[in-house]
């Protein structure tokens, strides 16, 4: 897997750390919101370079960026 990387999306810095979970590969992602709360979630991807976002009680602004987050991962790989 590739190394840790960061990407600014919509003015917020997202930090991507590679993870392996069983037979799945993906990234642990974290980002701070405007109040300084750090949100953490995972993005697992398949052989077709499509990722799925997994996390609990994520705000809608993170969920709405799923396509952009997937693009950032594909550009990095």
PDB file of N, CA and C in Angstrom:
ATOM      1  N   UNK A   1       0.836  -1.191   0.000  1.00  0.00           N
ATOM      2  CA  UNK A   1       0.000   0.000   0.000  1.00  0.00           C
ATOM      3  C   UNK A   1       0.875   1.246   0.000  1.00  0.00           C
ATOM      4  N   UNK A   2       0.299   2.316  -0.459  1.00  0.00           N
ATOM      5  CA  UNK A   2       1.006   3.585  -0.510  1.00  0.00           C
ATOM      6  C   UNK A   2       1.081   4.217   0.870  1.00  0.00           C
ATOM      7  N   UNK A   3       1.860   5.273   0.977  1.00  0.00           N
ATOM      8  CA  UNK A   3       2.067   5.963   2.238  1.00  0.00           C
ATOM      9  C   UNK A   3       0.943   6.944   2.548  1.00  0.00           C
ATOM     10  N   UNK A   4       0.989   7.450   3.764  1.00  0.00           N
ATOM     11  CA  UNK A   4       0.082   8.487   4.228  1.00  0.00           C
ATOM     12  C   UNK A   4       0.116   9.674   3.277  1.00  0.00           C
ATOM     13  N   UNK A   5      -1.058  10.271   3.000  1.00  0.00           N
ATOM     14  CA  UNK A   5      -1.084  11.496   2.208  1.00  0.00           C
ATOM     15  C   UNK A   5      -2.214  12.393   2.678  1.00  0.00           C
ATOM     16  N   UNK A   6      -2.123  13.660   2.321  1.00  0.00           N
ATOM     17  CA  UNK A   6      -3.114  14.672   2.680  1.00  0.00           C
ATOM     18  C   UNK A   6      -3.655  15.299   1.409  1.00  0.00           C
ATOM     19  N   UNK A   7      -4.900  15.753   1.495  1.00  0.00           N
ATOM     20  CA  UNK A   7      -5.522  16.424   0.351  1.00  0.00           C
ATOM     21  C   UNK A   7      -6.511  17.458   0.876  1.00  0.00           C
ATOM     22  N   UNK A   8      -6.417  18.674   0.369  1.00  0.00           N
ATOM     23  CA  UNK A   8      -7.379  19.712   0.730  1.00  0.00           C
ATOM     24  C   UNK A   8      -8.557  19.621  -0.232  1.00  0.00           C
ATOM     25  N   UNK A   9      -9.750  19.429   0.340  1.00  0.00           N
ATOM     26  CA  UNK A   9     -10.986  19.334  -0.419  1.00  0.00           C
ATOM     27  C   UNK A   9     -11.984  20.280   0.220  1.00  0.00           C
ATOM     28  N   UNK A  10     -12.531  21.179  -0.571  1.00  0.00           N
ATOM     29  CA  UNK A  10     -13.490  22.179  -0.068  1.00  0.00           C
ATOM     30  C   UNK A  10     -12.948  22.942   1.139  1.00  0.00           C
ATOM     31  N   UNK A  11     -11.669  23.258   1.097  1.00  0.00           N
ATOM     32  CA  UNK A  11     -11.056  24.066   2.144  1.00  0.00           C
ATOM     33  C   UNK A  11     -10.699  23.326   3.416  1.00  0.00           C
ATOM     34  N   UNK A  12     -10.876  22.017   3.443  1.00  0.00           N
ATOM     35  CA  UNK A  12     -10.537  21.229   4.627  1.00  0.00           C
ATOM     36  C   UNK A  12      -9.481  20.202   4.270  1.00  0.00           C
ATOM     37  N   UNK A  13      -8.528  20.016   5.203  1.00  0.00           N
ATOM     38  CA  UNK A  13      -7.468  19.038   4.961  1.00  0.00           C
ATOM     39  C   UNK A  13      -7.908  17.656   5.428  1.00  0.00           C
ATOM     40  N   UNK A  14      -7.941  16.725   4.492  1.00  0.00           N
ATOM     41  CA  UNK A  14      -8.244  15.327   4.781  1.00  0.00           C
ATOM     42  C   UNK A  14      -6.933  14.568   4.835  1.00  0.00           C
ATOM     43  N   UNK A  15      -6.760  13.748   5.866  1.00  0.00           N
ATOM     44  CA  UNK A  15      -5.557  12.945   6.055  1.00  0.00           C
ATOM     45  C   UNK A  15      -5.909  11.489   5.778  1.00  0.00           C
ATOM     46  N   UNK A  16      -5.166  10.862   4.880  1.00  0.00           N
ATOM     47  CA  UNK A  16      -5.426   9.490   4.452  1.00  0.00           C
ATOM     48  C   UNK A  16      -4.278   8.598   4.912  1.00  0.00           C
ATOM     49  N   UNK A  17      -4.608   7.552   5.674  1.00  0.00           N
ATOM     50  CA  UNK A  17      -3.608   6.598   6.126  1.00  0.00           C
ATOM     51  C   UNK A  17      -4.004   5.213   5.632  1.00  0.00           C
ATOM     52  N   UNK A  18      -3.118   4.525   4.922  1.00  0.00           N
ATOM     53  CA  UNK A  18      -3.449   3.202   4.391  1.00  0.00           C
ATOM     54  C   UNK A  18      -3.753   2.205   5.510  1.00  0.00           C
ATOM     55  N   UNK A  19      -4.743   1.348   5.280  1.00  0.00           N
ATOM     56  CA  UNK A  19      -5.079   0.281   6.228  1.00  0.00           C
ATOM     57  C   UNK A  19      -5.390  -0.992   5.452  1.00  0.00           C
ATOM     58  N   UNK A  20      -5.253  -2.107   6.136  1.00  0.00           N
ATOM     59  CA  UNK A  20      -5.683  -3.395   5.610  1.00  0.00           C
ATOM     60  C   UNK A  20      -6.597  -3.998   6.652  1.00  0.00           C
ATOM     61  N   UNK A  21      -7.741  -4.498   6.214  1.00  0.00           N
ATOM     62  CA  UNK A  21      -8.706  -5.116   7.114  1.00  0.00           C
ATOM     63  C   UNK A  21      -9.120  -6.431   6.485  1.00  0.00           C
ATOM     64  N   UNK A  22      -8.490  -7.495   6.951  1.00  0.00           N
ATOM     65  CA  UNK A  22      -8.733  -8.797   6.321  1.00  0.00           C
ATOM     66  C   UNK A  22      -8.235  -8.771   4.894  1.00  0.00           C
ATOM     67  N   UNK A  23      -9.108  -9.097   3.959  1.00  0.00           N
ATOM     68  CA  UNK A  23      -8.723  -9.101   2.546  1.00  0.00           C
ATOM     69  C   UNK A  23      -8.970  -7.752   1.876  1.00  0.00           C
ATOM     70  N   UNK A  24      -9.480  -6.777   2.636  1.00  0.00           N
ATOM     71  CA  UNK A  24      -9.780  -5.464   2.055  1.00  0.00           C
ATOM     72  C   UNK A  24      -8.672  -4.467   2.341  1.00  0.00           C
ATOM     73  N   UNK A  25      -8.429  -3.617   1.371  1.00  0.00           N
ATOM     74  CA  UNK A  25      -7.489  -2.509   1.529  1.00  0.00           C
ATOM     75  C   UNK A  25      -8.263  -1.216   1.468  1.00  0.00           C
ATOM     76  N   UNK A  26      -7.741  -0.212   2.110  1.00  0.00           N
ATOM     77  CA  UNK A  26      -8.409   1.077   2.074  1.00  0.00           C
ATOM     78  C   UNK A  26      -7.623   2.119   2.848  1.00  0.00           C
ATOM     79  N   UNK A  27      -8.336   3.105   3.342  1.00  0.00           N
ATOM     80  CA  UNK A  27      -7.713   4.213   4.054  1.00  0.00           C
ATOM     81  C   UNK A  27      -8.524   4.583   5.280  1.00  0.00           C
ATOM     82  N   UNK A  28      -7.817   4.894   6.352  1.00  0.00           N
ATOM     83  CA  UNK A  28      -8.408   5.550   7.499  1.00  0.00           C
ATOM     84  C   UNK A  28      -8.297   7.034   7.168  1.00  0.00           C
ATOM     85  N   UNK A  29      -9.393   7.769   7.270  1.00  0.00           N
ATOM     86  CA  UNK A  29      -9.408   9.185   6.886  1.00  0.00           C
ATOM     87  C   UNK A  29      -9.856  10.002   8.080  1.00  0.00           C
ATOM     88  N   UNK A  30      -9.201  11.138   8.294  1.00  0.00           N
ATOM     89  CA  UNK A  30      -9.668  12.048   9.330  1.00  0.00           C
ATOM     90  C   UNK A  30      -9.629  13.478   8.818  1.00  0.00           C
ATOM     91  N   UNK A  31     -10.511  14.290   9.399  1.00  0.00           N
ATOM     92  CA  UNK A  31     -10.645  15.691   9.011  1.00  0.00           C
ATOM     93  C   UNK A  31     -11.269  16.447  10.172  1.00  0.00           C
ATOM     94  N   UNK A  32     -10.902  17.702  10.334  1.00  0.00           N
ATOM     95  CA  UNK A  32     -11.513  18.541  11.362  1.00  0.00           C
ATOM     96  C   UNK A  32     -12.596  19.410  10.736  1.00  0.00           C
ATOM     97  N   UNK A  33     -13.663  19.634  11.510  1.00  0.00           N
ATOM     98  CA  UNK A  33     -14.701  20.550  11.042  1.00  0.00           C
ATOM     99  C   UNK A  33     -14.397  21.968  11.535  1.00  0.00           C
ATOM    100  N   UNK A  34     -15.316  22.887  11.276  1.00  0.00           N
ATOM    101  CA  UNK A  34     -15.101  24.295  11.621  1.00  0.00           C
ATOM    102  C   UNK A  34     -14.949  24.531  13.123  1.00  0.00           C
ATOM    103  N   UNK A  35     -15.551  23.663  13.940  1.00  0.00           N
ATOM    104  CA  UNK A  35     -15.460  23.808  15.393  1.00  0.00           C
ATOM    105  C   UNK A  35     -14.238  23.102  15.979  1.00  0.00           C
ATOM    106  N   UNK A  36     -13.477  22.417  15.133  1.00  0.00           N
ATOM    107  CA  UNK A  36     -12.287  21.713  15.593  1.00  0.00           C
ATOM    108  C   UNK A  36     -12.526  20.255  15.957  1.00  0.00           C
ATOM    109  N   UNK A  37     -13.729  19.755  15.744  1.00  0.00           N
ATOM    110  CA  UNK A  37     -14.023  18.350  16.000  1.00  0.00           C
ATOM    111  C   UNK A  37     -13.396  17.494  14.910  1.00  0.00           C
ATOM    112  N   UNK A  38     -12.666  16.472  15.324  1.00  0.00           N
ATOM    113  CA  UNK A  38     -12.032  15.581  14.352  1.00  0.00           C
ATOM    114  C   UNK A  38     -12.986  14.429  14.032  1.00  0.00           C
ATOM    115  N   UNK A  39     -13.260  14.268  12.750  1.00  0.00           N
ATOM    116  CA  UNK A  39     -14.113  13.189  12.257  1.00  0.00           C
ATOM    117  C   UNK A  39     -13.234  12.127  11.633  1.00  0.00           C
ATOM    118  N   UNK A  40     -13.495  10.869  11.983  1.00  0.00           N
ATOM    119  CA  UNK A  40     -12.710   9.756  11.460  1.00  0.00           C
ATOM    120  C   UNK A  40     -13.632   8.746  10.798  1.00  0.00           C
ATOM    121  N   UNK A  41     -13.172   8.205   9.670  1.00  0.00           N
ATOM    122  CA  UNK A  41     -13.936   7.198   8.949  1.00  0.00           C
ATOM    123  C   UNK A  41     -12.993   6.390   8.075  1.00  0.00           C
ATOM    124  N   UNK A  42     -13.540   5.384   7.427  1.00  0.00           N
ATOM    125  CA  UNK A  42     -12.740   4.518   6.566  1.00  0.00           C
ATOM    126  C   UNK A  42     -13.289   4.552   5.146  1.00  0.00           C
ATOM    127  N   UNK A  43     -12.396   4.368   4.218  1.00  0.00           N
ATOM    128  CA  UNK A  43     -12.794   4.213   2.822  1.00  0.00           C
ATOM    129  C   UNK A  43     -12.105   2.962   2.295  1.00  0.00           C
ATOM    130  N   UNK A  44     -12.920   1.969   1.926  1.00  0.00           N
ATOM    131  CA  UNK A  44     -12.408   0.734   1.339  1.00  0.00           C
ATOM    132  C   UNK A  44     -12.651   0.789  -0.152  1.00  0.00           C
ATOM    133  N   UNK A  45     -11.714   0.248  -0.930  1.00  0.00           N
ATOM    134  CA  UNK A  45     -11.892   0.293  -2.376  1.00  0.00           C
ATOM    135  C   UNK A  45     -11.725  -1.088  -2.998  1.00  0.00           C
ATOM    136  N   UNK A  46     -12.333  -1.226  -4.164  1.00  0.00           N
ATOM    137  CA  UNK A  46     -12.296  -2.502  -4.875  1.00  0.00           C
ATOM    138  C   UNK A  46     -11.365  -2.399  -6.076  1.00  0.00           C
ATOM    139  N   UNK A  47     -11.298  -3.470  -6.841  1.00  0.00           N
ATOM    140  CA  UNK A  47     -10.399  -3.522  -7.997  1.00  0.00           C
ATOM    141  C   UNK A  47     -10.794  -2.544  -9.095  1.00  0.00           C
ATOM    142  N   UNK A  48     -12.022  -2.070  -9.071  1.00  0.00           N
ATOM    143  CA  UNK A  48     -12.489  -1.127 -10.089  1.00  0.00           C
ATOM    144  C   UNK A  48     -12.262   0.328  -9.674  1.00  0.00           C
ATOM    145  N   UNK A  49     -11.475   0.528  -8.622  1.00  0.00           N
ATOM    146  CA  UNK A  49     -11.137   1.865  -8.119  1.00  0.00           C
ATOM    147  C   UNK A  49     -12.356   2.626  -7.601  1.00  0.00           C
ATOM    148  N   UNK A  50     -13.347   1.887  -7.114  1.00  0.00           N
ATOM    149  CA  UNK A  50     -14.510   2.503  -6.484  1.00  0.00           C
ATOM    150  C   UNK A  50     -14.381   2.307  -4.988  1.00  0.00           C
ATOM    151  N   UNK A  51     -14.649   3.351  -4.235  1.00  0.00           N
ATOM    152  CA  UNK A  51     -14.531   3.288  -2.785  1.00  0.00           C
ATOM    153  C   UNK A  51     -15.889   3.414  -2.136  1.00  0.00           C
ATOM    154  N   UNK A  52     -15.978   2.827  -0.959  1.00  0.00           N
ATOM    155  CA  UNK A  52     -17.181   3.015  -0.155  1.00  0.00           C
ATOM    156  C   UNK A  52     -16.758   3.617   1.179  1.00  0.00           C
ATOM    157  N   UNK A  53     -17.510   4.558   1.617  1.00  0.00           N
ATOM    158  CA  UNK A  53     -17.233   5.284   2.845  1.00  0.00           C
ATOM    159  C   UNK A  53     -17.942   4.588   3.994  1.00  0.00           C
ATOM    160  N   UNK A  54     -17.211   4.340   5.092  1.00  0.00           N
ATOM    161  CA  UNK A  54     -17.788   3.702   6.263  1.00  0.00           C
ATOM    162  C   UNK A  54     -17.446   4.521   7.493  1.00  0.00           C
ATOM    163  N   UNK A  55     -18.444   4.831   8.283  1.00  0.00           N
ATOM    164  CA  UNK A  55     -18.238   5.562   9.516  1.00  0.00           C
ATOM    165  C   UNK A  55     -19.555   5.724  10.242  1.00  0.00           C
ATOM    166  N   UNK A  56     -19.469   6.109  11.494  1.00  0.00           N
ATOM    167  CA  UNK A  56     -20.669   6.256  12.308  1.00  0.00           C
ATOM    168  C   UNK A  56     -21.001   7.725  12.527  1.00  0.00           C
ATOM    169  N   UNK A  57     -22.249   8.047  12.329  1.00  0.00           N
ATOM    170  CA  UNK A  57     -22.785   9.385  12.617  1.00  0.00           C
ATOM    171  C   UNK A  57     -21.979  10.503  11.955  1.00  0.00           C
ATOM    172  N   UNK A  58     -21.618  10.285  10.703  1.00  0.00           N
ATOM    173  CA  UNK A  58     -20.852  11.297   9.977  1.00  0.00           C
ATOM    174  C   UNK A  58     -21.779  12.426   9.539  1.00  0.00           C
ATOM    175  N   UNK A  59     -21.283  13.652   9.570  1.00  0.00           N
ATOM    176  CA  UNK A  59     -22.116  14.768   9.112  1.00  0.00           C
ATOM    177  C   UNK A  59     -22.327  14.715   7.597  1.00  0.00           C
ATOM    178  N   UNK A  60     -23.393  15.357   7.166  1.00  0.00           N
ATOM    179  CA  UNK A  60     -23.760  15.316   5.749  1.00  0.00           C
ATOM    180  C   UNK A  60     -22.683  15.931   4.860  1.00  0.00           C
ATOM    181  N   UNK A  61     -21.918  16.907   5.354  1.00  0.00           N
ATOM    182  CA  UNK A  61     -20.903  17.529   4.507  1.00  0.00           C
ATOM    183  C   UNK A  61     -19.793  16.537   4.155  1.00  0.00           C
ATOM    184  N   UNK A  62     -19.509  15.574   5.037  1.00  0.00           N
ATOM    185  CA  UNK A  62     -18.526  14.533   4.701  1.00  0.00           C
ATOM    186  C   UNK A  62     -19.136  13.559   3.700  1.00  0.00           C
ATOM    187  N   UNK A  63     -20.353  13.117   3.978  1.00  0.00           N
ATOM    188  CA  UNK A  63     -21.015  12.166   3.079  1.00  0.00           C
ATOM    189  C   UNK A  63     -21.150  12.730   1.664  1.00  0.00           C
ATOM    190  N   UNK A  64     -21.365  14.026   1.560  1.00  0.00           N
ATOM    191  CA  UNK A  64     -21.539  14.646   0.243  1.00  0.00           C
ATOM    192  C   UNK A  64     -20.230  14.720  -0.545  1.00  0.00           C
ATOM    193  N   UNK A  65     -19.105  14.471   0.106  1.00  0.00           N
ATOM    194  CA  UNK A  65     -17.799  14.535  -0.557  1.00  0.00           C
ATOM    195  C   UNK A  65     -17.264  13.166  -0.964  1.00  0.00           C
ATOM    196  N   UNK A  66     -18.109  12.144  -0.905  1.00  0.00           N
ATOM    197  CA  UNK A  66     -17.640  10.790  -1.190  1.00  0.00           C
ATOM    198  C   UNK A  66     -16.994  10.672  -2.573  1.00  0.00           C
ATOM    199  N   UNK A  67     -17.568  11.296  -3.582  1.00  0.00           N
ATOM    200  CA  UNK A  67     -17.004  11.227  -4.941  1.00  0.00           C
ATOM    201  C   UNK A  67     -15.631  11.905  -4.977  1.00  0.00           C
ATOM    202  N   UNK A  68     -15.515  13.068  -4.350  1.00  0.00           N
ATOM    203  CA  UNK A  68     -14.236  13.786  -4.332  1.00  0.00           C
ATOM    204  C   UNK A  68     -13.172  13.016  -3.548  1.00  0.00           C
ATOM    205  N   UNK A  69     -13.565  12.378  -2.449  1.00  0.00           N
ATOM    206  CA  UNK A  69     -12.614  11.573  -1.662  1.00  0.00           C
ATOM    207  C   UNK A  69     -12.140  10.372  -2.474  1.00  0.00           C
ATOM    208  N   UNK A  70     -13.048   9.732  -3.174  1.00  0.00           N
ATOM    209  CA  UNK A  70     -12.695   8.612  -4.045  1.00  0.00           C
ATOM    210  C   UNK A  70     -11.710   9.068  -5.130  1.00  0.00           C
ATOM    211  N   UNK A  71     -11.962  10.224  -5.704  1.00  0.00           N
ATOM    212  CA  UNK A  71     -11.075  10.772  -6.737  1.00  0.00           C
ATOM    213  C   UNK A  71      -9.683  11.034  -6.167  1.00  0.00           C
ATOM    214  N   UNK A  72      -9.618  11.571  -4.949  1.00  0.00           N
ATOM    215  CA  UNK A  72      -8.316  11.847  -4.317  1.00  0.00           C
ATOM    216  C   UNK A  72      -7.529  10.565  -4.130  1.00  0.00           C
ATOM    217  N   UNK A  73      -8.192   9.497  -3.714  1.00  0.00           N
ATOM    218  CA  UNK A  73      -7.520   8.211  -3.529  1.00  0.00           C
ATOM    219  C   UNK A  73      -7.021   7.676  -4.858  1.00  0.00           C
ATOM    220  N   UNK A  74      -7.861   7.727  -5.879  1.00  0.00           N
ATOM    221  CA  UNK A  74      -7.460   7.214  -7.193  1.00  0.00           C
ATOM    222  C   UNK A  74      -6.301   8.014  -7.779  1.00  0.00           C
ATOM    223  N   UNK A  75      -6.292   9.323  -7.579  1.00  0.00           N
ATOM    224  CA  UNK A  75      -5.177  10.148  -8.068  1.00  0.00           C
ATOM    225  C   UNK A  75      -3.885   9.801  -7.346  1.00  0.00           C
ATOM    226  N   UNK A  76      -3.968   9.495  -6.059  1.00  0.00           N
ATOM    227  CA  UNK A  76      -2.784   9.174  -5.279  1.00  0.00           C
ATOM    228  C   UNK A  76      -2.196   7.824  -5.665  1.00  0.00           C
ATOM    229  N   UNK A  77      -3.069   6.885  -5.958  1.00  0.00           N
ATOM    230  CA  UNK A  77      -2.594   5.534  -6.293  1.00  0.00           C
ATOM    231  C   UNK A  77      -2.142   5.504  -7.728  1.00  0.00           C
TER     232      UNK A  77
END
